[in-house]
Amino acid sequence: MKASRVLLDPTSERGAVARALAPRPAALHGLAVAVLDISKARGNIFLDRVAHLLTAQGIRVNRYRKPTYTRPAPVALRQQIAAENQLVIEGLAD
């Protein structure tokens, strides 16, 4: 039997919305990975470790930081991330 996945959306939607998972690449080598810090306390500690593990495997990592966790990333930042990377890892803490 195939395992099912439940995707929780933190945007406070009132009802569950069915969303397909984004396609995953077969490998990360040759791709640029964005690591986005949303500016929550200590999130950078987790993301520092993620970035270290990726770069140790020869994967190109680009770091970014939102001005504040209370608002979505500015359009210019989102456009820059999309233009410079094929994947994004976003981390937070609490």
N, C-alpha and C. Protein backbone atom coordinates (compact mmCIF):
# COMPACT_ATOMS: atom_id res chain seq x y z
N MET A 1 0.85 -1.18 0.00
CA MET A 1 0.00 0.00 0.00
C MET A 1 0.90 1.24 0.00
N LYS A 2 0.56 2.21 -0.83
CA LYS A 2 1.33 3.45 -0.93
C LYS A 2 1.00 4.38 0.24
N ALA A 3 2.05 4.92 0.85
CA ALA A 3 1.84 5.85 1.97
C ALA A 3 1.28 7.16 1.45
N SER A 4 0.39 7.76 2.21
CA SER A 4 -0.15 9.06 1.82
C SER A 4 0.59 10.16 2.57
N ARG A 5 0.56 11.34 2.02
CA ARG A 5 1.19 12.49 2.64
C ARG A 5 0.14 13.54 2.93
N VAL A 6 0.30 14.20 4.05
CA VAL A 6 -0.57 15.31 4.41
C VAL A 6 0.28 16.57 4.39
N LEU A 7 -0.13 17.55 3.60
CA LEU A 7 0.58 18.81 3.51
C LEU A 7 -0.20 19.85 4.29
N LEU A 8 0.43 20.42 5.31
CA LEU A 8 -0.21 21.45 6.12
C LEU A 8 0.22 22.81 5.61
N ASP A 9 -0.75 23.67 5.39
CA ASP A 9 -0.48 25.00 4.85
C ASP A 9 -0.60 26.02 5.98
N PRO A 10 0.48 26.74 6.29
CA PRO A 10 0.45 27.68 7.41
C PRO A 10 -0.23 29.01 7.10
N THR A 11 -0.90 29.13 5.98
CA THR A 11 -1.50 30.41 5.61
C THR A 11 -2.92 30.57 6.11
N SER A 12 -3.35 29.75 7.02
CA SER A 12 -4.66 29.80 7.68
C SER A 12 -5.85 29.69 6.74
N GLU A 13 -5.72 28.84 5.74
CA GLU A 13 -6.87 28.60 4.87
C GLU A 13 -7.94 27.87 5.69
N ARG A 14 -9.16 28.17 5.44
CA ARG A 14 -10.26 27.59 6.21
C ARG A 14 -10.52 26.13 5.85
N GLY A 15 -10.26 25.77 4.63
CA GLY A 15 -10.47 24.39 4.20
C GLY A 15 -9.23 23.84 3.55
N ALA A 16 -9.11 22.54 3.57
CA ALA A 16 -7.94 21.90 2.96
C ALA A 16 -7.97 22.11 1.45
N VAL A 17 -6.82 22.41 0.90
CA VAL A 17 -6.68 22.62 -0.53
C VAL A 17 -5.76 21.53 -1.07
N ALA A 18 -6.22 20.82 -2.08
CA ALA A 18 -5.40 19.77 -2.67
C ALA A 18 -4.34 20.42 -3.56
N ARG A 19 -3.09 20.09 -3.30
CA ARG A 19 -1.98 20.62 -4.08
C ARG A 19 -1.05 19.48 -4.44
N ALA A 20 -0.61 19.48 -5.67
CA ALA A 20 0.37 18.48 -6.09
C ALA A 20 1.74 18.90 -5.60
N LEU A 21 2.57 17.93 -5.23
CA LEU A 21 3.93 18.24 -4.84
C LEU A 21 4.71 18.67 -6.07
N ALA A 22 5.61 19.62 -5.89
CA ALA A 22 6.48 20.05 -6.99
C ALA A 22 7.39 18.89 -7.38
N PRO A 23 7.72 18.79 -8.65
CA PRO A 23 8.62 17.70 -9.06
C PRO A 23 9.99 17.86 -8.41
N ARG A 24 10.58 16.75 -8.04
CA ARG A 24 11.89 16.75 -7.41
C ARG A 24 12.95 16.38 -8.44
N PRO A 25 14.11 17.03 -8.40
CA PRO A 25 15.17 16.66 -9.35
C PRO A 25 15.78 15.32 -8.97
N ALA A 26 16.32 14.63 -9.95
CA ALA A 26 16.97 13.34 -9.69
C ALA A 26 18.24 13.53 -8.87
N ALA A 27 18.92 14.67 -9.05
CA ALA A 27 20.17 14.95 -8.33
C ALA A 27 20.30 16.46 -8.15
N LEU A 28 21.11 16.86 -7.18
CA LEU A 28 21.33 18.28 -6.93
C LEU A 28 22.58 18.82 -7.62
N HIS A 29 23.49 17.93 -8.00
CA HIS A 29 24.73 18.37 -8.64
C HIS A 29 24.43 19.11 -9.93
N GLY A 30 25.07 20.26 -10.10
CA GLY A 30 24.85 21.09 -11.28
C GLY A 30 23.72 22.09 -11.11
N LEU A 31 23.00 22.02 -10.00
CA LEU A 31 21.91 22.96 -9.74
C LEU A 31 22.35 23.95 -8.66
N ALA A 32 21.75 25.12 -8.67
CA ALA A 32 21.97 26.10 -7.61
C ALA A 32 20.81 25.99 -6.63
N VAL A 33 21.14 25.93 -5.34
CA VAL A 33 20.13 25.79 -4.30
C VAL A 33 20.11 27.07 -3.47
N ALA A 34 18.96 27.70 -3.40
CA ALA A 34 18.78 28.88 -2.56
C ALA A 34 18.47 28.43 -1.15
N VAL A 35 19.12 29.06 -0.18
CA VAL A 35 18.82 28.83 1.23
C VAL A 35 18.30 30.16 1.76
N LEU A 36 17.00 30.18 2.07
CA LEU A 36 16.32 31.42 2.46
C LEU A 36 16.04 31.44 3.95
N ASP A 37 16.65 32.38 4.63
CA ASP A 37 16.42 32.63 6.06
C ASP A 37 15.26 33.61 6.16
N ILE A 38 14.20 33.24 6.89
CA ILE A 38 13.05 34.12 6.97
C ILE A 38 13.18 35.15 8.10
N SER A 39 14.33 35.19 8.74
CA SER A 39 14.64 36.17 9.79
C SER A 39 14.00 35.88 11.13
N LYS A 40 13.68 34.63 11.42
CA LYS A 40 13.24 34.27 12.76
C LYS A 40 14.47 33.93 13.58
N ALA A 41 14.38 34.17 14.86
CA ALA A 41 15.51 33.91 15.75
C ALA A 41 15.99 32.48 15.63
N ARG A 42 17.29 32.32 15.49
CA ARG A 42 18.00 31.04 15.43
C ARG A 42 17.76 30.23 14.16
N GLY A 43 16.94 30.71 13.25
CA GLY A 43 16.75 30.01 11.99
C GLY A 43 18.05 29.91 11.22
N ASN A 44 18.89 30.93 11.36
CA ASN A 44 20.17 30.94 10.66
C ASN A 44 21.09 29.80 11.12
N ILE A 45 20.95 29.36 12.35
CA ILE A 45 21.79 28.27 12.87
C ILE A 45 21.47 26.98 12.12
N PHE A 46 20.20 26.69 11.97
CA PHE A 46 19.78 25.52 11.20
C PHE A 46 20.22 25.63 9.75
N LEU A 47 19.99 26.80 9.15
CA LEU A 47 20.32 26.97 7.74
C LEU A 47 21.83 26.97 7.49
N ASP A 48 22.61 27.45 8.44
CA ASP A 48 24.07 27.35 8.32
C ASP A 48 24.49 25.90 8.18
N ARG A 49 23.89 25.04 8.97
CA ARG A 49 24.21 23.60 8.92
C ARG A 49 23.77 22.99 7.60
N VAL A 50 22.56 23.32 7.15
CA VAL A 50 22.07 22.82 5.86
C VAL A 50 23.01 23.25 4.74
N ALA A 51 23.38 24.52 4.73
CA ALA A 51 24.28 25.03 3.69
C ALA A 51 25.63 24.33 3.75
N HIS A 52 26.15 24.12 4.95
CA HIS A 52 27.43 23.43 5.11
C HIS A 52 27.35 22.01 4.54
N LEU A 53 26.30 21.28 4.87
CA LEU A 53 26.16 19.91 4.38
C LEU A 53 26.05 19.86 2.86
N LEU A 54 25.35 20.81 2.27
CA LEU A 54 25.22 20.85 0.81
C LEU A 54 26.54 21.20 0.14
N THR A 55 27.21 22.23 0.63
CA THR A 55 28.47 22.63 0.00
C THR A 55 29.55 21.56 0.18
N ALA A 56 29.50 20.81 1.27
CA ALA A 56 30.45 19.72 1.48
C ALA A 56 30.28 18.63 0.42
N GLN A 57 29.10 18.57 -0.18
CA GLN A 57 28.85 17.61 -1.26
C GLN A 57 29.08 18.21 -2.63
N GLY A 58 29.61 19.43 -2.67
CA GLY A 58 29.90 20.07 -3.95
C GLY A 58 28.71 20.75 -4.60
N ILE A 59 27.67 20.99 -3.84
CA ILE A 59 26.46 21.63 -4.36
C ILE A 59 26.57 23.14 -4.15
N ARG A 60 26.23 23.90 -5.19
CA ARG A 60 26.31 25.36 -5.11
C ARG A 60 25.13 25.89 -4.29
N VAL A 61 25.44 26.67 -3.28
CA VAL A 61 24.42 27.23 -2.38
C VAL A 61 24.48 28.75 -2.43
N ASN A 62 23.34 29.38 -2.59
CA ASN A 62 23.22 30.83 -2.52
C ASN A 62 22.34 31.17 -1.31
N ARG A 63 22.84 32.06 -0.46
CA ARG A 63 22.12 32.42 0.76
C ARG A 63 21.35 33.72 0.57
N TYR A 64 20.15 33.76 1.17
CA TYR A 64 19.29 34.93 1.11
C TYR A 64 18.62 35.09 2.47
N ARG A 65 18.16 36.30 2.75
CA ARG A 65 17.48 36.58 4.02
C ARG A 65 16.35 37.57 3.78
N LYS A 66 15.17 37.22 4.28
CA LYS A 66 14.05 38.15 4.23
C LYS A 66 14.28 39.26 5.24
N PRO A 67 13.76 40.47 4.98
CA PRO A 67 13.92 41.55 5.95
C PRO A 67 13.20 41.27 7.27
N THR A 68 12.08 40.56 7.23
CA THR A 68 11.30 40.26 8.42
C THR A 68 10.47 39.01 8.19
N TYR A 69 10.26 38.25 9.24
CA TYR A 69 9.44 37.04 9.10
C TYR A 69 7.94 37.35 9.08
N THR A 70 7.56 38.58 9.41
CA THR A 70 6.15 38.91 9.52
C THR A 70 5.47 39.20 8.19
N ARG A 71 6.24 39.28 7.13
CA ARG A 71 5.69 39.58 5.81
C ARG A 71 6.30 38.65 4.78
N PRO A 72 5.59 38.45 3.66
CA PRO A 72 6.18 37.65 2.58
C PRO A 72 7.47 38.31 2.08
N ALA A 73 8.31 37.52 1.46
CA ALA A 73 9.55 38.06 0.89
C ALA A 73 9.19 39.12 -0.16
N PRO A 74 9.95 40.20 -0.22
CA PRO A 74 9.69 41.23 -1.23
C PRO A 74 9.78 40.63 -2.65
N VAL A 75 9.01 41.19 -3.54
CA VAL A 75 8.96 40.70 -4.92
C VAL A 75 10.36 40.66 -5.54
N ALA A 76 11.15 41.69 -5.33
CA ALA A 76 12.50 41.72 -5.91
C ALA A 76 13.35 40.56 -5.41
N LEU A 77 13.23 40.21 -4.13
CA LEU A 77 13.98 39.09 -3.58
C LEU A 77 13.50 37.78 -4.18
N ARG A 78 12.20 37.60 -4.30
CA ARG A 78 11.66 36.37 -4.90
C ARG A 78 12.11 36.23 -6.34
N GLN A 79 12.12 37.35 -7.07
CA GLN A 79 12.57 37.30 -8.47
C GLN A 79 14.05 36.96 -8.56
N GLN A 80 14.85 37.52 -7.67
CA GLN A 80 16.28 37.22 -7.66
C GLN A 80 16.52 35.75 -7.36
N ILE A 81 15.84 35.22 -6.37
CA ILE A 81 15.98 33.80 -6.02
C ILE A 81 15.59 32.92 -7.21
N ALA A 82 14.48 33.24 -7.86
CA ALA A 82 14.02 32.44 -9.00
C ALA A 82 15.00 32.51 -10.17
N ALA A 83 15.60 33.67 -10.37
CA ALA A 83 16.52 33.84 -11.50
C ALA A 83 17.86 33.14 -11.27
N GLU A 84 18.28 33.02 -10.01
CA GLU A 84 19.62 32.51 -9.70
C GLU A 84 19.66 31.06 -9.25
N ASN A 85 18.50 30.42 -9.06
CA ASN A 85 18.46 29.08 -8.46
C ASN A 85 17.41 28.20 -9.11
N GLN A 86 17.59 26.90 -8.93
CA GLN A 86 16.59 25.93 -9.39
C GLN A 86 15.78 25.35 -8.24
N LEU A 87 16.31 25.46 -7.02
CA LEU A 87 15.64 24.92 -5.84
C LEU A 87 15.74 25.91 -4.69
N VAL A 88 14.79 25.82 -3.75
CA VAL A 88 14.81 26.69 -2.57
C VAL A 88 14.59 25.85 -1.33
N ILE A 89 15.41 26.12 -0.32
CA ILE A 89 15.19 25.58 1.02
C ILE A 89 14.92 26.79 1.91
N GLU A 90 13.77 26.77 2.57
CA GLU A 90 13.40 27.88 3.44
C GLU A 90 13.32 27.33 4.86
N GLY A 91 13.94 28.01 5.79
CA GLY A 91 13.95 27.50 7.15
C GLY A 91 13.45 28.51 8.13
N LEU A 92 12.89 28.01 9.23
CA LEU A 92 12.44 28.86 10.29
C LEU A 92 12.72 28.18 11.62
N ALA A 93 12.53 28.88 12.67
CA ALA A 93 12.76 28.31 14.00
C ALA A 93 11.63 28.73 14.91
N ASP A 94 11.48 28.03 15.99
CA ASP A 94 10.52 28.32 17.06
C ASP A 94 10.46 27.14 17.99
